[in-house]
Amino acid sequence: MLISLASMRYLLFTFLLLISFSCTKSVDENRVIDTQKFSQLITEKDKTLVYVWTTWCSGCRKSLSETLPKLMKDINSEEYQLILIAASKNRVEVDSLVGASGLSNSSWFLDFLGPDKGSFQSIGIRQFLSANFKGEKIYTGGIPVFFLVDRNKKVLQKKLPHSYDEVMQLLK
């Protein structure tokens, strides 16, 4: 019994697809953020700066090493907090980046299906933000996603600038 080339390709494609969706989780379950955890976190302060990022984004790495640590130090911590959401399954790399910036306590992992690749990350980010902010178009496909919300999930600023000075000006 011979299998046609088309059938063989279909089987191979199906097999690879199943493998990609069954990737094991490599993140600490205690640091995985979901809608419930996010809702809980944003009620802790009046306003929350949310920064969704990936490890392959050079602009994200720059913000993690320069802008965000300075913001954390200088914002009014009675009123504001910063939540970092890494759309990455590479815990070691994420921990290294946020640890070097002193932002580990603000860092969470976004769980998403599939491998640690751009399109899977994009879908995960879109689903997470859509579930938390129904009717708001926060994610436009670009990384990083940086926005400001209040404790009731009201979006105060859909797109924050990446410049320290500009963010501080908006927060005044």
N, C-alpha and C. Protein backbone atom coordinates (compact mmCIF):
# COMPACT_ATOMS: atom_id res chain seq x y z
N MET A 1 0.85 -1.17 0.00
CA MET A 1 0.00 0.00 0.00
C MET A 1 0.89 1.24 0.00
N LEU A 2 0.76 2.03 -0.99
CA LEU A 2 1.57 3.22 -1.13
C LEU A 2 0.76 4.45 -0.74
N ILE A 3 1.44 5.38 -0.09
CA ILE A 3 0.81 6.64 0.30
C ILE A 3 1.22 7.69 -0.71
N SER A 4 0.25 8.44 -1.18
CA SER A 4 0.57 9.47 -2.16
C SER A 4 1.40 10.59 -1.53
N LEU A 5 2.08 11.32 -2.37
CA LEU A 5 2.90 12.43 -1.91
C LEU A 5 2.05 13.48 -1.19
N ALA A 6 0.86 13.75 -1.70
CA ALA A 6 -0.04 14.72 -1.08
C ALA A 6 -0.46 14.26 0.31
N SER A 7 -0.75 12.98 0.45
CA SER A 7 -1.12 12.43 1.76
C SER A 7 0.04 12.51 2.73
N MET A 8 1.24 12.24 2.23
CA MET A 8 2.43 12.30 3.07
C MET A 8 2.66 13.73 3.56
N ARG A 9 2.50 14.70 2.67
CA ARG A 9 2.66 16.11 3.06
C ARG A 9 1.62 16.51 4.10
N TYR A 10 0.38 16.06 3.89
CA TYR A 10 -0.69 16.37 4.83
C TYR A 10 -0.37 15.79 6.21
N LEU A 11 0.08 14.55 6.25
CA LEU A 11 0.43 13.92 7.52
C LEU A 11 1.59 14.64 8.20
N LEU A 12 2.59 15.01 7.43
CA LEU A 12 3.73 15.73 7.98
C LEU A 12 3.30 17.09 8.53
N PHE A 13 2.49 17.81 7.78
CA PHE A 13 1.99 19.11 8.23
C PHE A 13 1.18 18.96 9.52
N THR A 14 0.29 17.98 9.57
CA THR A 14 -0.52 17.74 10.76
C THR A 14 0.35 17.41 11.96
N PHE A 15 1.35 16.57 11.75
CA PHE A 15 2.27 16.19 12.82
C PHE A 15 3.01 17.41 13.36
N LEU A 16 3.54 18.23 12.47
CA LEU A 16 4.27 19.43 12.90
C LEU A 16 3.36 20.42 13.61
N LEU A 17 2.14 20.55 13.14
CA LEU A 17 1.18 21.44 13.78
C LEU A 17 0.86 20.97 15.19
N LEU A 18 0.65 19.68 15.36
CA LEU A 18 0.38 19.13 16.69
C LEU A 18 1.55 19.33 17.63
N ILE A 19 2.74 19.16 17.12
CA ILE A 19 3.93 19.37 17.96
C ILE A 19 4.01 20.83 18.40
N SER A 20 3.75 21.75 17.49
CA SER A 20 3.85 23.17 17.85
C SER A 20 2.83 23.55 18.92
N PHE A 21 1.65 22.94 18.92
CA PHE A 21 0.65 23.26 19.92
C PHE A 21 0.85 22.51 21.23
N SER A 22 1.71 21.53 21.23
CA SER A 22 1.93 20.78 22.46
C SER A 22 3.25 21.14 23.12
N CYS A 23 3.80 22.28 22.76
CA CYS A 23 5.06 22.72 23.38
C CYS A 23 4.86 22.82 24.88
N THR A 24 5.81 22.33 25.62
CA THR A 24 5.71 22.39 27.07
C THR A 24 5.93 23.80 27.56
N LYS A 25 5.32 24.08 28.67
CA LYS A 25 5.47 25.40 29.27
C LYS A 25 6.81 25.45 29.99
N SER A 26 7.54 26.52 29.76
CA SER A 26 8.83 26.67 30.41
C SER A 26 8.83 27.84 31.37
N VAL A 27 7.64 28.28 31.74
CA VAL A 27 7.56 29.42 32.64
C VAL A 27 7.04 28.99 34.00
N ASP A 28 7.38 29.74 35.00
CA ASP A 28 6.93 29.52 36.36
C ASP A 28 5.44 29.85 36.42
N GLU A 29 4.62 28.87 36.77
CA GLU A 29 3.17 29.07 36.79
C GLU A 29 2.75 30.20 37.73
N ASN A 30 3.55 30.47 38.76
CA ASN A 30 3.22 31.55 39.69
C ASN A 30 3.41 32.92 39.07
N ARG A 31 4.13 33.00 37.98
CA ARG A 31 4.39 34.29 37.32
C ARG A 31 3.68 34.41 35.98
N VAL A 32 2.78 33.50 35.70
CA VAL A 32 1.98 33.58 34.48
C VAL A 32 0.80 34.50 34.76
N ILE A 33 0.61 35.46 33.88
CA ILE A 33 -0.49 36.41 34.07
C ILE A 33 -1.68 36.00 33.21
N ASP A 34 -2.85 36.06 33.79
CA ASP A 34 -4.08 35.82 33.07
C ASP A 34 -5.03 36.97 33.41
N THR A 35 -6.24 36.92 32.90
CA THR A 35 -7.19 38.00 33.11
C THR A 35 -7.48 38.23 34.58
N GLN A 36 -7.66 37.16 35.33
CA GLN A 36 -7.95 37.28 36.76
C GLN A 36 -6.79 37.91 37.52
N LYS A 37 -5.59 37.43 37.28
CA LYS A 37 -4.41 37.96 37.96
C LYS A 37 -4.18 39.42 37.57
N PHE A 38 -4.36 39.73 36.30
CA PHE A 38 -4.18 41.11 35.83
C PHE A 38 -5.18 42.04 36.52
N SER A 39 -6.44 41.62 36.59
CA SER A 39 -7.46 42.43 37.25
C SER A 39 -7.10 42.68 38.71
N GLN A 40 -6.59 41.66 39.37
CA GLN A 40 -6.17 41.78 40.76
C GLN A 40 -5.00 42.77 40.89
N LEU A 41 -4.02 42.64 40.02
CA LEU A 41 -2.84 43.50 40.09
C LEU A 41 -3.15 44.98 39.88
N ILE A 42 -4.01 45.28 38.91
CA ILE A 42 -4.25 46.70 38.62
C ILE A 42 -5.09 47.39 39.68
N THR A 43 -5.73 46.64 40.56
CA THR A 43 -6.49 47.29 41.63
C THR A 43 -5.58 47.72 42.79
N GLU A 44 -4.32 47.34 42.74
CA GLU A 44 -3.40 47.66 43.84
C GLU A 44 -3.00 49.14 43.87
N LYS A 45 -3.07 49.81 42.75
CA LYS A 45 -2.72 51.24 42.67
C LYS A 45 -3.79 51.96 41.86
N ASP A 46 -3.80 53.28 41.95
CA ASP A 46 -4.77 54.07 41.18
C ASP A 46 -4.56 53.91 39.68
N LYS A 47 -3.28 53.90 39.27
CA LYS A 47 -2.96 53.82 37.84
C LYS A 47 -1.82 52.84 37.62
N THR A 48 -1.89 52.17 36.47
CA THR A 48 -0.88 51.17 36.13
C THR A 48 -0.35 51.41 34.73
N LEU A 49 0.97 51.48 34.64
CA LEU A 49 1.65 51.50 33.34
C LEU A 49 1.86 50.04 32.96
N VAL A 50 1.36 49.64 31.81
CA VAL A 50 1.49 48.26 31.35
C VAL A 50 2.43 48.23 30.16
N TYR A 51 3.43 47.36 30.24
CA TYR A 51 4.44 47.25 29.18
C TYR A 51 4.49 45.79 28.73
N VAL A 52 3.99 45.53 27.51
CA VAL A 52 4.01 44.18 26.94
C VAL A 52 5.15 44.12 25.94
N TRP A 53 6.03 43.12 26.10
CA TRP A 53 7.26 43.09 25.32
C TRP A 53 7.67 41.67 24.95
N THR A 54 8.66 41.57 24.08
CA THR A 54 9.25 40.29 23.69
C THR A 54 10.77 40.40 23.78
N THR A 55 11.41 39.26 23.86
CA THR A 55 12.87 39.25 24.00
C THR A 55 13.58 39.62 22.71
N TRP A 56 12.94 39.42 21.55
CA TRP A 56 13.60 39.72 20.28
C TRP A 56 13.49 41.19 19.87
N CYS A 57 12.74 41.97 20.61
CA CYS A 57 12.51 43.38 20.27
C CYS A 57 13.64 44.25 20.83
N SER A 58 14.43 44.84 19.94
CA SER A 58 15.58 45.65 20.38
C SER A 58 15.12 46.91 21.12
N GLY A 59 14.01 47.50 20.70
CA GLY A 59 13.47 48.66 21.40
C GLY A 59 13.03 48.32 22.82
N CYS A 60 12.48 47.10 22.97
CA CYS A 60 12.07 46.63 24.30
C CYS A 60 13.28 46.49 25.21
N ARG A 61 14.33 45.90 24.67
CA ARG A 61 15.56 45.71 25.46
C ARG A 61 16.12 47.06 25.90
N LYS A 62 16.07 48.03 25.02
CA LYS A 62 16.58 49.36 25.36
C LYS A 62 15.73 49.98 26.46
N SER A 63 14.41 49.88 26.32
CA SER A 63 13.52 50.42 27.35
C SER A 63 13.72 49.71 28.69
N LEU A 64 13.92 48.40 28.63
CA LEU A 64 14.14 47.63 29.87
C LEU A 64 15.42 48.04 30.58
N SER A 65 16.42 48.42 29.83
CA SER A 65 17.69 48.76 30.46
C SER A 65 17.81 50.24 30.81
N GLU A 66 17.04 51.09 30.13
CA GLU A 66 17.19 52.54 30.35
C GLU A 66 15.93 53.21 30.89
N THR A 67 14.88 53.24 30.10
CA THR A 67 13.69 54.03 30.43
C THR A 67 12.89 53.48 31.61
N LEU A 68 12.56 52.19 31.58
CA LEU A 68 11.66 51.64 32.59
C LEU A 68 12.24 51.64 34.01
N PRO A 69 13.52 51.30 34.21
CA PRO A 69 14.06 51.39 35.58
C PRO A 69 14.01 52.83 36.13
N LYS A 70 14.29 53.78 35.26
CA LYS A 70 14.26 55.19 35.68
C LYS A 70 12.82 55.61 36.01
N LEU A 71 11.86 55.16 35.20
CA LEU A 71 10.45 55.46 35.49
C LEU A 71 10.04 54.88 36.84
N MET A 72 10.42 53.64 37.09
CA MET A 72 10.07 52.98 38.36
C MET A 72 10.60 53.77 39.54
N LYS A 73 11.78 54.29 39.38
CA LYS A 73 12.43 55.04 40.46
C LYS A 73 11.75 56.40 40.68
N ASP A 74 11.29 57.02 39.61
CA ASP A 74 10.83 58.41 39.69
C ASP A 74 9.32 58.61 39.74
N ILE A 75 8.53 57.60 39.40
CA ILE A 75 7.07 57.79 39.45
C ILE A 75 6.60 57.78 40.90
N ASN A 76 5.46 58.38 41.13
CA ASN A 76 4.86 58.40 42.46
C ASN A 76 4.33 56.99 42.75
N SER A 77 5.03 56.24 43.58
CA SER A 77 4.68 54.84 43.83
C SER A 77 3.41 54.68 44.67
N GLU A 78 2.92 55.76 45.23
CA GLU A 78 1.63 55.70 45.94
C GLU A 78 0.48 55.65 44.93
N GLU A 79 0.68 56.25 43.78
CA GLU A 79 -0.37 56.35 42.78
C GLU A 79 -0.17 55.40 41.59
N TYR A 80 1.08 55.18 41.20
CA TYR A 80 1.38 54.42 39.99
C TYR A 80 2.14 53.13 40.29
N GLN A 81 1.97 52.17 39.38
CA GLN A 81 2.79 50.97 39.37
C GLN A 81 3.10 50.61 37.92
N LEU A 82 4.10 49.77 37.75
CA LEU A 82 4.49 49.30 36.42
C LEU A 82 4.34 47.79 36.39
N ILE A 83 3.68 47.28 35.37
CA ILE A 83 3.56 45.84 35.16
C ILE A 83 4.20 45.52 33.82
N LEU A 84 5.20 44.65 33.85
CA LEU A 84 5.86 44.16 32.63
C LEU A 84 5.26 42.81 32.28
N ILE A 85 4.85 42.63 31.04
CA ILE A 85 4.31 41.35 30.59
C ILE A 85 5.17 40.87 29.43
N ALA A 86 5.91 39.81 29.67
CA ALA A 86 6.80 39.25 28.65
C ALA A 86 6.04 38.21 27.83
N ALA A 87 5.91 38.46 26.55
CA ALA A 87 5.31 37.49 25.64
C ALA A 87 6.44 36.60 25.14
N SER A 88 6.95 35.80 26.05
CA SER A 88 8.09 34.93 25.76
C SER A 88 8.04 33.72 26.67
N LYS A 89 8.47 32.59 26.15
CA LYS A 89 8.55 31.38 26.96
C LYS A 89 9.96 31.13 27.47
N ASN A 90 10.87 31.98 27.08
CA ASN A 90 12.27 31.83 27.49
C ASN A 90 12.49 32.53 28.82
N ARG A 91 12.17 31.82 29.89
CA ARG A 91 12.23 32.40 31.23
C ARG A 91 13.64 32.87 31.58
N VAL A 92 14.64 32.11 31.20
CA VAL A 92 16.01 32.47 31.54
C VAL A 92 16.38 33.82 30.94
N GLU A 93 16.07 34.01 29.67
CA GLU A 93 16.39 35.28 29.02
C GLU A 93 15.58 36.44 29.61
N VAL A 94 14.29 36.21 29.84
CA VAL A 94 13.45 37.26 30.43
C VAL A 94 13.97 37.63 31.81
N ASP A 95 14.24 36.62 32.64
CA ASP A 95 14.74 36.88 34.00
C ASP A 95 16.06 37.62 33.98
N SER A 96 16.90 37.30 33.02
CA SER A 96 18.19 37.98 32.90
C SER A 96 17.98 39.45 32.56
N LEU A 97 17.10 39.73 31.62
CA LEU A 97 16.85 41.11 31.20
C LEU A 97 16.18 41.95 32.29
N VAL A 98 15.14 41.41 32.91
CA VAL A 98 14.44 42.19 33.94
C VAL A 98 15.24 42.24 35.23
N GLY A 99 15.99 41.19 35.51
CA GLY A 99 16.84 41.18 36.70
C GLY A 99 17.94 42.22 36.63
N ALA A 100 18.56 42.34 35.46
CA ALA A 100 19.62 43.33 35.27
C ALA A 100 19.09 44.76 35.42
N SER A 101 17.79 44.93 35.17
CA SER A 101 17.17 46.25 35.26
C SER A 101 16.55 46.51 36.63
N GLY A 102 16.56 45.50 37.49
CA GLY A 102 15.94 45.64 38.80
C GLY A 102 14.42 45.66 38.76
N LEU A 103 13.84 45.02 37.73
CA LEU A 103 12.39 45.05 37.54
C LEU A 103 11.73 43.69 37.75
N SER A 104 12.41 42.76 38.38
CA SER A 104 11.89 41.40 38.54
C SER A 104 10.54 41.36 39.24
N ASN A 105 10.34 42.19 40.25
CA ASN A 105 9.08 42.16 41.01
C ASN A 105 7.88 42.63 40.19
N SER A 106 8.13 43.28 39.09
CA SER A 106 7.04 43.79 38.24
C SER A 106 6.80 42.92 37.02
N SER A 107 7.54 41.82 36.91
CA SER A 107 7.56 41.04 35.67
C SER A 107 6.66 39.81 35.72
N TRP A 108 5.90 39.63 34.63
CA TRP A 108 4.98 38.50 34.47
C TRP A 108 5.17 37.90 33.09
N PHE A 109 4.75 36.64 32.95
CA PHE A 109 4.80 35.95 31.66
C PHE A 109 3.41 35.82 31.09
N LEU A 110 3.29 36.05 29.79
CA LEU A 110 2.04 35.83 29.08
C LEU A 110 2.09 34.43 28.49
N ASP A 111 1.14 33.60 28.85
CA ASP A 111 1.08 32.24 28.33
C ASP A 111 0.33 32.27 27.00
N PHE A 112 0.85 31.60 26.01
CA PHE A 112 0.21 31.54 24.71
C PHE A 112 0.52 30.19 24.07
N LEU A 113 -0.33 29.77 23.15
CA LEU A 113 -0.14 28.49 22.47
C LEU A 113 0.95 28.59 21.42
N GLY A 114 1.61 27.48 21.21
CA GLY A 114 2.60 27.42 20.14
C GLY A 114 3.98 27.82 20.58
N PRO A 115 4.90 27.81 19.64
CA PRO A 115 6.30 28.12 19.95
C PRO A 115 6.52 29.62 20.17
N ASP A 116 7.70 29.94 20.62
CA ASP A 116 8.09 31.31 20.94
C ASP A 116 8.43 32.05 19.65
N LYS A 117 7.43 32.27 18.82
CA LYS A 117 7.62 32.91 17.52
C LYS A 117 6.69 34.10 17.38
N GLY A 118 7.04 35.02 16.52
CA GLY A 118 6.30 36.26 16.34
C GLY A 118 4.80 36.13 16.18
N SER A 119 4.32 35.29 15.25
CA SER A 119 2.88 35.22 15.01
C SER A 119 2.14 34.62 16.20
N PHE A 120 2.73 33.64 16.87
CA PHE A 120 2.10 33.06 18.05
C PHE A 120 2.07 34.08 19.19
N GLN A 121 3.16 34.83 19.35
CA GLN A 121 3.21 35.87 20.38
C GLN A 121 2.16 36.94 20.09
N SER A 122 2.06 37.34 18.84
CA SER A 122 1.11 38.37 18.44
C SER A 122 -0.33 37.96 18.75
N ILE A 123 -0.67 36.73 18.43
CA ILE A 123 -2.02 36.23 18.71
C ILE A 123 -2.26 36.21 20.22
N GLY A 124 -1.28 35.75 20.98
CA GLY A 124 -1.41 35.71 22.44
C GLY A 124 -1.61 37.09 23.04
N ILE A 125 -0.84 38.06 22.57
CA ILE A 125 -0.97 39.44 23.06
C ILE A 125 -2.35 39.98 22.72
N ARG A 126 -2.77 39.79 21.48
CA ARG A 126 -4.08 40.29 21.04
C ARG A 126 -5.21 39.67 21.89
N GLN A 127 -5.15 38.36 22.12
CA GLN A 127 -6.19 37.69 22.91
C GLN A 127 -6.20 38.21 24.35
N PHE A 128 -5.03 38.35 24.95
CA PHE A 128 -4.94 38.83 26.33
C PHE A 128 -5.52 40.24 26.46
N LEU A 129 -5.11 41.13 25.59
CA LEU A 129 -5.58 42.52 25.68
C LEU A 129 -7.06 42.63 25.33
N SER A 130 -7.52 41.86 24.36
CA SER A 130 -8.95 41.88 24.01
C SER A 130 -9.81 41.37 25.15
N ALA A 131 -9.34 40.35 25.86
CA ALA A 131 -10.09 39.80 26.99
C ALA A 131 -10.15 40.79 28.15
N ASN A 132 -9.11 41.56 28.33
CA ASN A 132 -9.06 42.50 29.45
C ASN A 132 -9.66 43.85 29.13
N PHE A 133 -9.65 44.24 27.87
CA PHE A 133 -10.13 45.56 27.48
C PHE A 133 -11.07 45.44 26.29
N LYS A 134 -12.24 44.89 26.55
CA LYS A 134 -13.22 44.67 25.48
C LYS A 134 -13.60 46.01 24.82
N GLY A 135 -13.56 46.01 23.51
CA GLY A 135 -13.92 47.21 22.76
C GLY A 135 -12.80 48.22 22.59
N GLU A 136 -11.70 48.03 23.27
CA GLU A 136 -10.55 48.94 23.15
C GLU A 136 -9.55 48.34 22.17
N LYS A 137 -9.04 49.13 21.29
CA LYS A 137 -8.03 48.64 20.36
C LYS A 137 -6.67 49.15 20.83
N ILE A 138 -6.08 48.40 21.76
CA ILE A 138 -4.79 48.79 22.32
C ILE A 138 -3.66 48.22 21.47
N TYR A 139 -3.82 46.96 21.07
CA TYR A 139 -2.75 46.29 20.32
C TYR A 139 -2.98 46.47 18.83
N THR A 140 -2.03 47.09 18.17
CA THR A 140 -2.14 47.31 16.72
C THR A 140 -1.18 46.43 15.94
N GLY A 141 -0.51 45.52 16.61
CA GLY A 141 0.41 44.61 15.95
C GLY A 141 1.86 44.93 16.20
N GLY A 142 2.14 46.09 16.77
CA GLY A 142 3.52 46.49 17.04
C GLY A 142 3.95 46.13 18.45
N ILE A 143 5.23 45.90 18.59
CA ILE A 143 5.83 45.58 19.89
C ILE A 143 6.85 46.67 20.18
N PRO A 144 6.96 47.17 21.36
CA PRO A 144 6.20 46.85 22.56
C PRO A 144 4.84 47.55 22.58
N VAL A 145 3.99 47.10 23.51
CA VAL A 145 2.71 47.73 23.76
C VAL A 145 2.85 48.41 25.13
N PHE A 146 2.69 49.70 25.18
CA PHE A 146 2.90 50.47 26.41
C PHE A 146 1.71 51.40 26.59
N PHE A 147 0.93 51.18 27.65
CA PHE A 147 -0.28 51.97 27.86
C PHE A 147 -0.55 52.18 29.35
N LEU A 148 -1.52 53.04 29.64
CA LEU A 148 -1.85 53.42 31.01
C LEU A 148 -3.33 53.13 31.28
N VAL A 149 -3.60 52.46 32.40
CA VAL A 149 -4.98 52.14 32.80
C VAL A 149 -5.19 52.53 34.26
N ASP A 150 -6.47 52.69 34.62
CA ASP A 150 -6.77 52.91 36.03
C ASP A 150 -7.20 51.59 36.66
N ARG A 151 -7.48 51.62 37.95
CA ARG A 151 -7.80 50.39 38.68
C ARG A 151 -9.11 49.74 38.21
N ASN A 152 -9.94 50.46 37.46
CA ASN A 152 -11.20 49.92 36.95
C ASN A 152 -11.09 49.45 35.50
N LYS A 153 -9.88 49.33 35.01
CA LYS A 153 -9.58 48.90 33.64
C LYS A 153 -9.99 49.94 32.60
N LYS A 154 -10.11 51.17 33.01
CA LYS A 154 -10.37 52.23 32.04
C LYS A 154 -9.03 52.62 31.44
N VAL A 155 -8.96 52.58 30.12
CA VAL A 155 -7.72 52.94 29.43
C VAL A 155 -7.60 54.46 29.42
N LEU A 156 -6.55 54.95 30.05
CA LEU A 156 -6.32 56.39 30.14
C LEU A 156 -5.44 56.90 29.00
N GLN A 157 -4.55 56.05 28.53
CA GLN A 157 -3.65 56.41 27.42
C GLN A 157 -3.34 55.12 26.66
N LYS A 158 -3.79 55.02 25.40
CA LYS A 158 -3.60 53.80 24.62
C LYS A 158 -2.16 53.57 24.18
N LYS A 159 -1.43 54.61 23.98
CA LYS A 159 -0.06 54.45 23.50
C LYS A 159 0.83 55.45 24.21
N LEU A 160 1.62 54.93 25.14
CA LEU A 160 2.57 55.80 25.83
C LEU A 160 3.84 55.92 25.01
N PRO A 161 4.49 57.06 25.07
CA PRO A 161 5.77 57.22 24.36
C PRO A 161 6.86 56.38 25.03
N HIS A 162 7.94 56.17 24.35
CA HIS A 162 9.04 55.36 24.90
C HIS A 162 10.13 56.23 25.51
N SER A 163 9.95 57.51 25.43
CA SER A 163 10.91 58.45 26.00
C SER A 163 10.55 58.70 27.47
N TYR A 164 11.54 58.62 28.34
CA TYR A 164 11.34 58.87 29.76
C TYR A 164 10.70 60.24 29.99
N ASP A 165 11.26 61.27 29.39
CA ASP A 165 10.76 62.63 29.59
C ASP A 165 9.31 62.78 29.15
N GLU A 166 8.97 62.19 28.02
CA GLU A 166 7.60 62.30 27.51
C GLU A 166 6.61 61.57 28.41
N VAL A 167 6.99 60.40 28.91
CA VAL A 167 6.11 59.66 29.82
C VAL A 167 5.91 60.46 31.11
N MET A 168 6.99 60.96 31.66
CA MET A 168 6.88 61.73 32.91
C MET A 168 6.02 62.97 32.71
N GLN A 169 6.10 63.59 31.56
CA GLN A 169 5.27 64.76 31.26
C GLN A 169 3.79 64.37 31.24
N LEU A 170 3.46 63.23 30.65
CA LEU A 170 2.08 62.76 30.61
C LEU A 170 1.55 62.41 31.99
N LEU A 171 2.40 61.92 32.85
CA LEU A 171 1.96 61.49 34.18
C LEU A 171 1.76 62.64 35.15
N LYS A 172 2.21 63.83 34.78
CA LYS A 172 2.06 64.99 35.68
C LYS A 172 0.69 65.58 35.60
